[in-house]
Amino acid sequence: MAKGAKWDAELYDEKHSFVWKMAAGLLELLEAKSGERILDVGCGTGHLAAKIATHGAHVTGVDQSPEMIREARAAYPALRFEVMDARQLRFNEQFDAVFSNATLHWIKEPERAVASIARVLRPGGRFVAEFGGKGNIAGLVAAVERAWPKAGLPQPVPNPWYYPSLAEYASLLEKHGLEVTYGLLFDRPTPLEDGDRGLLNWLEMFGGAIMENLPQDRRGRLLEEVQREAWGSLYGDGRWVLDYRRLQVVARKT
């Protein structure tokens, strides 16, 4: 998320638990083992770090959001959580694996994050991640672009996300000594909770970087226009369904 923007940890857990609940397949790719040192980058409120720890791994969770880390420490006091920027990971020890779910698309300087991750991995260590890939939420982005001028806002529309292709990201990893052993870009339509309010909740949680500099009256108008523009393609059967596309990668440090 944009520097200085705040995450609502309560809203995240209450209305957007799908972010971590859909990560079962990614945990299988990680294959955490007892005694391993594993770093969870963008750990949020700590739920996946806790799941990894059940395998006997020594888990450290990091997140740039103090609000998220506060919730994680409260929920899982036996685990280690630190406020830290993924582009500036600093540890005395190296890790057997770095894991990241639904985080790296927020970092508009991806090479800095990749270089940072590579530095904290031991030789032979693995990097396992999933995040938004090329074409992620394309329908919603198009709706925002149509709604922006209708809300009386000046161009250009802010873009807080980084959604790479598999080839683009694999090239970046290999440039920093991470050999890609698995990669997949796939569609995952994602139903939102709370019926008609689902998209509004999502925009309040994840769209803050787009709206953070807008006056309150313009923000409200934009939210109305986005919902109106997205209704025909993203709403049906009493719920909103976002057009997620996810990128999964597994790489080993050479």
C-alpha atoms as a PDB file:
ATOM      1  CA  MET A   1       0.000   0.000   0.000  1.00  0.00           C
ATOM      2  CA  ALA A   2       1.120   3.580  -0.540  1.00  0.00           C
ATOM      3  CA  LYS A   3       3.573   4.922   1.984  1.00  0.00           C
ATOM      4  CA  GLY A   4       1.772   6.452   4.916  1.00  0.00           C
ATOM      5  CA  ALA A   5      -1.564   4.783   4.159  1.00  0.00           C
ATOM      6  CA  LYS A   6      -3.094   2.805   7.040  1.00  0.00           C
ATOM      7  CA  TRP A   7      -4.584  -0.670   6.987  1.00  0.00           C
ATOM      8  CA  ASP A   8      -7.786  -1.383   8.890  1.00  0.00           C
ATOM      9  CA  ALA A   9      -6.811  -4.693  10.523  1.00  0.00           C
ATOM     10  CA  GLU A  10     -10.329  -5.310  11.897  1.00  0.00           C
ATOM     11  CA  LEU A  11     -11.981  -4.792   8.503  1.00  0.00           C
ATOM     12  CA  TYR A  12      -9.316  -7.007   6.925  1.00  0.00           C
ATOM     13  CA  ASP A  13     -10.107  -9.947   9.209  1.00  0.00           C
ATOM     14  CA  GLU A  14     -13.870  -9.406   9.332  1.00  0.00           C
ATOM     15  CA  LYS A  15     -14.667  -8.929   5.631  1.00  0.00           C
ATOM     16  CA  HIS A  16     -11.566 -10.050   3.685  1.00  0.00           C
ATOM     17  CA  SER A  17     -10.495 -13.320   5.280  1.00  0.00           C
ATOM     18  CA  PHE A  18     -10.492 -14.855   1.777  1.00  0.00           C
ATOM     19  CA  VAL A  19      -7.062 -13.243   1.319  1.00  0.00           C
ATOM     20  CA  TRP A  20      -5.448 -15.811   3.598  1.00  0.00           C
ATOM     21  CA  LYS A  21      -8.054 -18.586   3.494  1.00  0.00           C
ATOM     22  CA  MET A  22      -7.440 -19.115  -0.238  1.00  0.00           C
ATOM     23  CA  ALA A  23      -3.728 -19.718   0.370  1.00  0.00           C
ATOM     24  CA  ALA A  24      -4.003 -23.456   1.119  1.00  0.00           C
ATOM     25  CA  GLY A  25      -2.414 -24.359  -2.208  1.00  0.00           C
ATOM     26  CA  LEU A  26       0.433 -21.936  -1.620  1.00  0.00           C
ATOM     27  CA  LEU A  27       1.165 -23.508   1.770  1.00  0.00           C
ATOM     28  CA  GLU A  28       1.385 -26.870   0.018  1.00  0.00           C
ATOM     29  CA  LEU A  29       3.967 -25.418  -2.368  1.00  0.00           C
ATOM     30  CA  LEU A  30       5.961 -24.117   0.603  1.00  0.00           C
ATOM     31  CA  GLU A  31       6.186 -27.586   2.204  1.00  0.00           C
ATOM     32  CA  ALA A  32       7.324 -26.210   5.553  1.00  0.00           C
ATOM     33  CA  LYS A  33       9.405 -28.621   7.612  1.00  0.00           C
ATOM     34  CA  SER A  34      10.161 -28.872  11.305  1.00  0.00           C
ATOM     35  CA  GLY A  35      13.139 -26.786  12.368  1.00  0.00           C
ATOM     36  CA  GLU A  36      13.222 -24.592   9.266  1.00  0.00           C
ATOM     37  CA  ARG A  37      13.578 -20.817   9.570  1.00  0.00           C
ATOM     38  CA  ILE A  38      10.819 -19.252   7.452  1.00  0.00           C
ATOM     39  CA  LEU A  39      10.103 -15.587   6.811  1.00  0.00           C
ATOM     40  CA  ASP A  40       6.534 -14.524   5.990  1.00  0.00           C
ATOM     41  CA  VAL A  41       6.728 -11.242   4.035  1.00  0.00           C
ATOM     42  CA  GLY A  42       3.524  -9.214   4.269  1.00  0.00           C
ATOM     43  CA  CYS A  43       2.175 -11.389   7.075  1.00  0.00           C
ATOM     44  CA  GLY A  44      -0.866  -9.196   7.757  1.00  0.00           C
ATOM     45  CA  THR A  45      -2.634 -10.306  10.917  1.00  0.00           C
ATOM     46  CA  GLY A  46      -0.502 -13.442  11.186  1.00  0.00           C
ATOM     47  CA  HIS A  47      -2.889 -16.254  10.278  1.00  0.00           C
ATOM     48  CA  LEU A  48      -0.684 -17.875   7.638  1.00  0.00           C
ATOM     49  CA  ALA A  49       2.439 -17.489   9.778  1.00  0.00           C
ATOM     50  CA  ALA A  50       0.597 -19.418  12.488  1.00  0.00           C
ATOM     51  CA  LYS A  51      -0.356 -22.166  10.033  1.00  0.00           C
ATOM     52  CA  ILE A  52       3.265 -22.468   8.903  1.00  0.00           C
ATOM     53  CA  ALA A  53       4.380 -22.724  12.524  1.00  0.00           C
ATOM     54  CA  THR A  54       2.147 -25.773  13.088  1.00  0.00           C
ATOM     55  CA  HIS A  55       4.664 -27.753  10.993  1.00  0.00           C
ATOM     56  CA  GLY A  56       7.352 -27.058  13.582  1.00  0.00           C
ATOM     57  CA  ALA A  57       9.027 -24.275  11.596  1.00  0.00           C
ATOM     58  CA  HIS A  58      10.477 -21.192  13.279  1.00  0.00           C
ATOM     59  CA  VAL A  59       8.454 -18.413  11.667  1.00  0.00           C
ATOM     60  CA  THR A  60       9.087 -14.679  11.570  1.00  0.00           C
ATOM     61  CA  GLY A  61       6.362 -12.460  10.140  1.00  0.00           C
ATOM     62  CA  VAL A  62       7.015  -8.968   8.794  1.00  0.00           C
ATOM     63  CA  ASP A  63       4.622  -6.324   7.529  1.00  0.00           C
ATOM     64  CA  GLN A  64       4.940  -2.610   6.793  1.00  0.00           C
ATOM     65  CA  SER A  65       1.687  -1.911   8.640  1.00  0.00           C
ATOM     66  CA  PRO A  66       1.998  -1.330  12.405  1.00  0.00           C
ATOM     67  CA  GLU A  67      -1.753  -1.951  12.693  1.00  0.00           C
ATOM     68  CA  MET A  68      -1.422  -5.424  11.164  1.00  0.00           C
ATOM     69  CA  ILE A  69       1.587  -6.328  13.294  1.00  0.00           C
ATOM     70  CA  ARG A  70      -0.208  -5.198  16.440  1.00  0.00           C
ATOM     71  CA  GLU A  71      -3.093  -7.562  15.649  1.00  0.00           C
ATOM     72  CA  ALA A  72      -0.724 -10.421  14.763  1.00  0.00           C
ATOM     73  CA  ARG A  73       1.182 -10.094  18.046  1.00  0.00           C
ATOM     74  CA  ALA A  74      -2.058 -10.050  20.005  1.00  0.00           C
ATOM     75  CA  ALA A  75      -3.445 -13.117  18.233  1.00  0.00           C
ATOM     76  CA  TYR A  76      -0.223 -15.175  18.200  1.00  0.00           C
ATOM     77  CA  PRO A  77       2.024 -14.040  21.074  1.00  0.00           C
ATOM     78  CA  ALA A  78       4.306 -17.072  20.742  1.00  0.00           C
ATOM     79  CA  LEU A  79       5.418 -16.020  17.243  1.00  0.00           C
ATOM     80  CA  ARG A  80       7.816 -13.280  16.201  1.00  0.00           C
ATOM     81  CA  PHE A  81       6.390 -10.348  14.247  1.00  0.00           C
ATOM     82  CA  GLU A  82       8.220  -7.185  13.146  1.00  0.00           C
ATOM     83  CA  VAL A  83       7.259  -3.966  11.341  1.00  0.00           C
ATOM     84  CA  MET A  84       9.490  -4.018   8.283  1.00  0.00           C
ATOM     85  CA  ASP A  85       9.517  -2.934   4.631  1.00  0.00           C
ATOM     86  CA  ALA A  86       9.917  -5.810   2.147  1.00  0.00           C
ATOM     87  CA  ARG A  87      12.369  -3.646   0.197  1.00  0.00           C
ATOM     88  CA  GLN A  88      14.615  -3.320   3.239  1.00  0.00           C
ATOM     89  CA  LEU A  89      14.682  -6.684   5.005  1.00  0.00           C
ATOM     90  CA  ARG A  90      17.373  -6.720   7.686  1.00  0.00           C
ATOM     91  CA  PHE A  91      18.221  -9.846   9.705  1.00  0.00           C
ATOM     92  CA  ASN A  92      21.375 -11.261  11.228  1.00  0.00           C
ATOM     93  CA  GLU A  93      20.369 -14.780  10.210  1.00  0.00           C
ATOM     94  CA  GLN A  94      19.371 -16.189   6.821  1.00  0.00           C
ATOM     95  CA  PHE A  95      16.194 -18.143   6.162  1.00  0.00           C
ATOM     96  CA  ASP A  96      15.500 -21.543   4.657  1.00  0.00           C
ATOM     97  CA  ALA A  97      12.438 -20.102   2.917  1.00  0.00           C
ATOM     98  CA  VAL A  98      10.735 -16.794   2.252  1.00  0.00           C
ATOM     99  CA  PHE A  99       6.959 -16.973   1.858  1.00  0.00           C
ATOM    100  CA  SER A 100       4.640 -14.204   0.676  1.00  0.00           C
ATOM    101  CA  ASN A 101       0.907 -14.124  -0.027  1.00  0.00           C
ATOM    102  CA  ALA A 102      -1.076 -11.214  -1.541  1.00  0.00           C
ATOM    103  CA  THR A 103       1.622  -8.644  -0.808  1.00  0.00           C
ATOM    104  CA  LEU A 104       4.115  -8.132  -3.615  1.00  0.00           C
ATOM    105  CA  HIS A 105       1.647  -6.474  -5.986  1.00  0.00           C
ATOM    106  CA  TRP A 106       1.640  -3.496  -3.603  1.00  0.00           C
ATOM    107  CA  ILE A 107       5.332  -2.820  -4.166  1.00  0.00           C
ATOM    108  CA  LYS A 108       5.919  -0.538  -7.146  1.00  0.00           C
ATOM    109  CA  GLU A 109       9.681  -1.081  -6.843  1.00  0.00           C
ATOM    110  CA  PRO A 110       9.667  -4.865  -7.392  1.00  0.00           C
ATOM    111  CA  GLU A 111      13.376  -5.229  -8.041  1.00  0.00           C
ATOM    112  CA  ARG A 112      14.217  -3.771  -4.643  1.00  0.00           C
ATOM    113  CA  ALA A 113      11.911  -6.302  -3.005  1.00  0.00           C
ATOM    114  CA  VAL A 114      13.383  -9.214  -4.986  1.00  0.00           C
ATOM    115  CA  ALA A 115      16.959  -8.161  -4.145  1.00  0.00           C
ATOM    116  CA  SER A 116      16.002  -7.837  -0.478  1.00  0.00           C
ATOM    117  CA  ILE A 117      14.398 -11.286  -0.424  1.00  0.00           C
ATOM    118  CA  ALA A 118      17.423 -12.837  -2.135  1.00  0.00           C
ATOM    119  CA  ARG A 119      19.738 -11.335   0.483  1.00  0.00           C
ATOM    120  CA  VAL A 120      17.964 -12.981   3.425  1.00  0.00           C
ATOM    121  CA  LEU A 121      17.733 -16.440   1.815  1.00  0.00           C
ATOM    122  CA  ARG A 122      20.453 -18.998   2.473  1.00  0.00           C
ATOM    123  CA  PRO A 123      22.063 -20.660  -0.587  1.00  0.00           C
ATOM    124  CA  GLY A 124      19.612 -23.328  -1.726  1.00  0.00           C
ATOM    125  CA  GLY A 125      16.781 -21.603   0.136  1.00  0.00           C
ATOM    126  CA  ARG A 126      13.419 -21.237  -1.563  1.00  0.00           C
ATOM    127  CA  PHE A 127      11.087 -18.361  -2.319  1.00  0.00           C
ATOM    128  CA  VAL A 128       7.364 -19.178  -2.527  1.00  0.00           C
ATOM    129  CA  ALA A 129       4.887 -16.432  -3.374  1.00  0.00           C
ATOM    130  CA  GLU A 130       1.458 -15.617  -4.734  1.00  0.00           C
ATOM    131  CA  PHE A 131       0.182 -12.169  -5.659  1.00  0.00           C
ATOM    132  CA  GLY A 132      -1.775 -10.315  -8.324  1.00  0.00           C
ATOM    133  CA  GLY A 133      -0.549 -11.048 -11.843  1.00  0.00           C
ATOM    134  CA  LYS A 134      -1.035  -9.489 -15.261  1.00  0.00           C
ATOM    135  CA  GLY A 135      -4.708  -8.690 -15.840  1.00  0.00           C
ATOM    136  CA  ASN A 136      -5.667  -8.850 -12.158  1.00  0.00           C
ATOM    137  CA  ILE A 137      -8.945  -6.998 -11.424  1.00  0.00           C
ATOM    138  CA  ALA A 138      -8.914  -5.640 -14.986  1.00  0.00           C
ATOM    139  CA  GLY A 139     -12.696  -5.196 -14.924  1.00  0.00           C
ATOM    140  CA  LEU A 140     -12.579  -3.182 -11.723  1.00  0.00           C
ATOM    141  CA  VAL A 141      -9.669  -1.052 -12.945  1.00  0.00           C
ATOM    142  CA  ALA A 142     -11.637  -0.271 -16.104  1.00  0.00           C
ATOM    143  CA  ALA A 143     -14.650   0.700 -13.977  1.00  0.00           C
ATOM    144  CA  VAL A 144     -12.483   3.047 -11.887  1.00  0.00           C
ATOM    145  CA  GLU A 145     -11.090   4.654 -15.048  1.00  0.00           C
ATOM    146  CA  ARG A 146     -14.618   5.269 -16.370  1.00  0.00           C
ATOM    147  CA  ALA A 147     -15.855   6.533 -13.004  1.00  0.00           C
ATOM    148  CA  TRP A 148     -12.954   8.910 -12.378  1.00  0.00           C
ATOM    149  CA  PRO A 149     -13.962  11.725 -14.763  1.00  0.00           C
ATOM    150  CA  LYS A 150     -17.647  11.253 -13.888  1.00  0.00           C
ATOM    151  CA  ALA A 151     -16.727  12.046 -10.287  1.00  0.00           C
ATOM    152  CA  GLY A 152     -15.149  15.284 -11.484  1.00  0.00           C
ATOM    153  CA  LEU A 153     -11.572  14.174 -10.821  1.00  0.00           C
ATOM    154  CA  PRO A 154      -8.528  15.176 -12.880  1.00  0.00           C
ATOM    155  CA  GLN A 155      -6.504  12.683 -14.892  1.00  0.00           C
ATOM    156  CA  PRO A 156      -4.468  10.534 -14.560  1.00  0.00           C
ATOM    157  CA  VAL A 157      -6.046   7.848 -12.387  1.00  0.00           C
ATOM    158  CA  PRO A 158      -3.587   6.671  -9.675  1.00  0.00           C
ATOM    159  CA  ASN A 159      -2.353   3.100 -10.029  1.00  0.00           C
ATOM    160  CA  PRO A 160      -1.039   1.682  -6.726  1.00  0.00           C
ATOM    161  CA  TRP A 161      -0.450  -1.867  -7.992  1.00  0.00           C
ATOM    162  CA  TYR A 162       2.211  -3.908  -9.768  1.00  0.00           C
ATOM    163  CA  TYR A 163       0.749  -6.804 -11.755  1.00  0.00           C
ATOM    164  CA  PRO A 164       3.516  -8.508 -13.770  1.00  0.00           C
ATOM    165  CA  SER A 165       3.401 -11.318 -16.294  1.00  0.00           C
ATOM    166  CA  LEU A 166       5.028 -14.616 -15.389  1.00  0.00           C
ATOM    167  CA  ALA A 167       7.861 -14.012 -17.863  1.00  0.00           C
ATOM    168  CA  GLU A 168       8.508 -10.524 -16.488  1.00  0.00           C
ATOM    169  CA  TYR A 169       8.691 -11.665 -12.892  1.00  0.00           C
ATOM    170  CA  ALA A 170      10.708 -14.802 -13.624  1.00  0.00           C
ATOM    171  CA  SER A 171      13.287 -12.673 -15.404  1.00  0.00           C
ATOM    172  CA  LEU A 172      13.503 -10.375 -12.387  1.00  0.00           C
ATOM    173  CA  LEU A 173      13.995 -13.295 -10.002  1.00  0.00           C
ATOM    174  CA  GLU A 174      16.692 -14.905 -12.125  1.00  0.00           C
ATOM    175  CA  LYS A 175      18.529 -11.601 -12.385  1.00  0.00           C
ATOM    176  CA  HIS A 176      19.009 -11.779  -8.613  1.00  0.00           C
ATOM    177  CA  GLY A 177      20.097 -15.398  -8.390  1.00  0.00           C
ATOM    178  CA  LEU A 178      16.699 -16.994  -7.823  1.00  0.00           C
ATOM    179  CA  GLU A 179      16.121 -19.876 -10.233  1.00  0.00           C
ATOM    180  CA  VAL A 180      12.421 -20.325 -11.006  1.00  0.00           C
ATOM    181  CA  THR A 181      11.311 -23.937 -10.613  1.00  0.00           C
ATOM    182  CA  TYR A 182       7.548 -23.373 -10.852  1.00  0.00           C
ATOM    183  CA  GLY A 183       5.348 -20.592 -12.168  1.00  0.00           C
ATOM    184  CA  LEU A 184       1.648 -20.218 -12.907  1.00  0.00           C
ATOM    185  CA  LEU A 185      -0.631 -17.315 -13.874  1.00  0.00           C
ATOM    186  CA  PHE A 186      -4.289 -18.242 -13.425  1.00  0.00           C
ATOM    187  CA  ASP A 187      -7.790 -16.805 -13.111  1.00  0.00           C
ATOM    188  CA  ARG A 188      -9.450 -16.982  -9.699  1.00  0.00           C
ATOM    189  CA  PRO A 189     -12.841 -15.218  -9.637  1.00  0.00           C
ATOM    190  CA  THR A 190     -13.302 -14.194  -6.007  1.00  0.00           C
ATOM    191  CA  PRO A 191     -16.716 -13.668  -4.368  1.00  0.00           C
ATOM    192  CA  LEU A 192     -16.816 -10.787  -1.895  1.00  0.00           C
ATOM    193  CA  GLU A 193     -18.627 -10.989   1.430  1.00  0.00           C
ATOM    194  CA  ASP A 194     -21.522  -8.815   2.616  1.00  0.00           C
ATOM    195  CA  GLY A 195     -23.825  -8.848  -0.427  1.00  0.00           C
ATOM    196  CA  ASP A 196     -24.391  -5.465  -2.063  1.00  0.00           C
ATOM    197  CA  ARG A 197     -21.773  -3.832   0.190  1.00  0.00           C
ATOM    198  CA  GLY A 198     -19.026  -6.221  -0.893  1.00  0.00           C
ATOM    199  CA  LEU A 199     -17.346  -3.950  -3.417  1.00  0.00           C
ATOM    200  CA  LEU A 200     -17.615  -0.911  -1.163  1.00  0.00           C
ATOM    201  CA  ASN A 201     -15.901  -2.871   1.631  1.00  0.00           C
ATOM    202  CA  TRP A 202     -13.180  -3.971  -0.794  1.00  0.00           C
ATOM    203  CA  LEU A 203     -12.575  -0.421  -2.013  1.00  0.00           C
ATOM    204  CA  GLU A 204     -12.425   0.891   1.556  1.00  0.00           C
ATOM    205  CA  MET A 205      -9.896  -1.826   2.450  1.00  0.00           C
ATOM    206  CA  PHE A 206      -7.721  -1.990  -0.662  1.00  0.00           C
ATOM    207  CA  GLY A 207      -8.560   1.148  -2.633  1.00  0.00           C
ATOM    208  CA  GLY A 208      -7.250   3.608  -0.088  1.00  0.00           C
ATOM    209  CA  ALA A 209      -4.124   4.235  -2.130  1.00  0.00           C
ATOM    210  CA  ILE A 210      -6.310   5.491  -4.981  1.00  0.00           C
ATOM    211  CA  MET A 211      -8.480   7.732  -2.817  1.00  0.00           C
ATOM    212  CA  GLU A 212      -6.143   8.857  -0.025  1.00  0.00           C
ATOM    213  CA  ASN A 213      -5.694  12.404  -1.342  1.00  0.00           C
ATOM    214  CA  LEU A 214      -9.328  12.994  -2.259  1.00  0.00           C
ATOM    215  CA  PRO A 215     -11.697  15.244  -0.245  1.00  0.00           C
ATOM    216  CA  GLN A 216     -14.409  13.275   1.527  1.00  0.00           C
ATOM    217  CA  ASP A 217     -17.198  14.466  -0.783  1.00  0.00           C
ATOM    218  CA  ARG A 218     -15.256  13.473  -3.915  1.00  0.00           C
ATOM    219  CA  ARG A 219     -14.369  10.137  -2.375  1.00  0.00           C
ATOM    220  CA  GLY A 220     -18.031   9.342  -1.761  1.00  0.00           C
ATOM    221  CA  ARG A 221     -18.959  10.348  -5.311  1.00  0.00           C
ATOM    222  CA  LEU A 222     -16.175   8.190  -6.737  1.00  0.00           C
ATOM    223  CA  LEU A 223     -17.279   5.144  -4.756  1.00  0.00           C
ATOM    224  CA  GLU A 224     -20.820   5.548  -6.060  1.00  0.00           C
ATOM    225  CA  GLU A 225     -19.640   5.908  -9.652  1.00  0.00           C
ATOM    226  CA  VAL A 226     -17.289   2.900  -9.453  1.00  0.00           C
ATOM    227  CA  GLN A 227     -20.062   0.659  -8.148  1.00  0.00           C
ATOM    228  CA  ARG A 228     -22.365   1.881 -10.894  1.00  0.00           C
ATOM    229  CA  GLU A 229     -19.768   1.284 -13.612  1.00  0.00           C
ATOM    230  CA  ALA A 230     -18.798  -2.172 -12.308  1.00  0.00           C
ATOM    231  CA  TRP A 231     -22.322  -3.438 -11.659  1.00  0.00           C
ATOM    232  CA  GLY A 232     -22.971  -4.989 -15.066  1.00  0.00           C
ATOM    233  CA  SER A 233     -19.777  -7.061 -15.224  1.00  0.00           C
ATOM    234  CA  LEU A 234     -18.905  -7.836 -11.596  1.00  0.00           C
ATOM    235  CA  TYR A 235     -22.262  -8.208  -9.814  1.00  0.00           C
ATOM    236  CA  GLY A 236     -24.652 -11.133 -10.042  1.00  0.00           C
ATOM    237  CA  ASP A 237     -26.791 -13.470  -7.911  1.00  0.00           C
ATOM    238  CA  GLY A 238     -26.738 -11.042  -4.999  1.00  0.00           C
ATOM    239  CA  ARG A 239     -22.986 -10.636  -4.679  1.00  0.00           C
ATOM    240  CA  TRP A 240     -19.896  -9.039  -6.162  1.00  0.00           C
ATOM    241  CA  VAL A 241     -17.260 -11.277  -7.762  1.00  0.00           C
ATOM    242  CA  LEU A 242     -13.873  -9.733  -8.511  1.00  0.00           C
ATOM    243  CA  ASP A 243     -11.882 -10.844 -11.543  1.00  0.00           C
ATOM    244  CA  TYR A 244      -8.714 -11.879  -9.723  1.00  0.00           C
ATOM    245  CA  ARG A 245      -5.721 -13.273 -11.628  1.00  0.00           C
ATOM    246  CA  ARG A 246      -2.977 -14.674  -9.435  1.00  0.00           C
ATOM    247  CA  LEU A 247       0.693 -15.306 -10.094  1.00  0.00           C
ATOM    248  CA  GLN A 248       2.348 -18.164  -8.209  1.00  0.00           C
ATOM    249  CA  VAL A 249       6.114 -18.673  -8.238  1.00  0.00           C
ATOM    250  CA  VAL A 250       8.609 -20.973  -6.567  1.00  0.00           C
ATOM    251  CA  ALA A 251      12.313 -20.215  -6.913  1.00  0.00           C
ATOM    252  CA  ARG A 252      15.558 -21.400  -5.320  1.00  0.00           C
ATOM    253  CA  LYS A 253      18.601 -19.302  -4.479  1.00  0.00           C
ATOM    254  CA  THR A 254      21.534 -20.554  -6.530  1.00  0.00           C
END
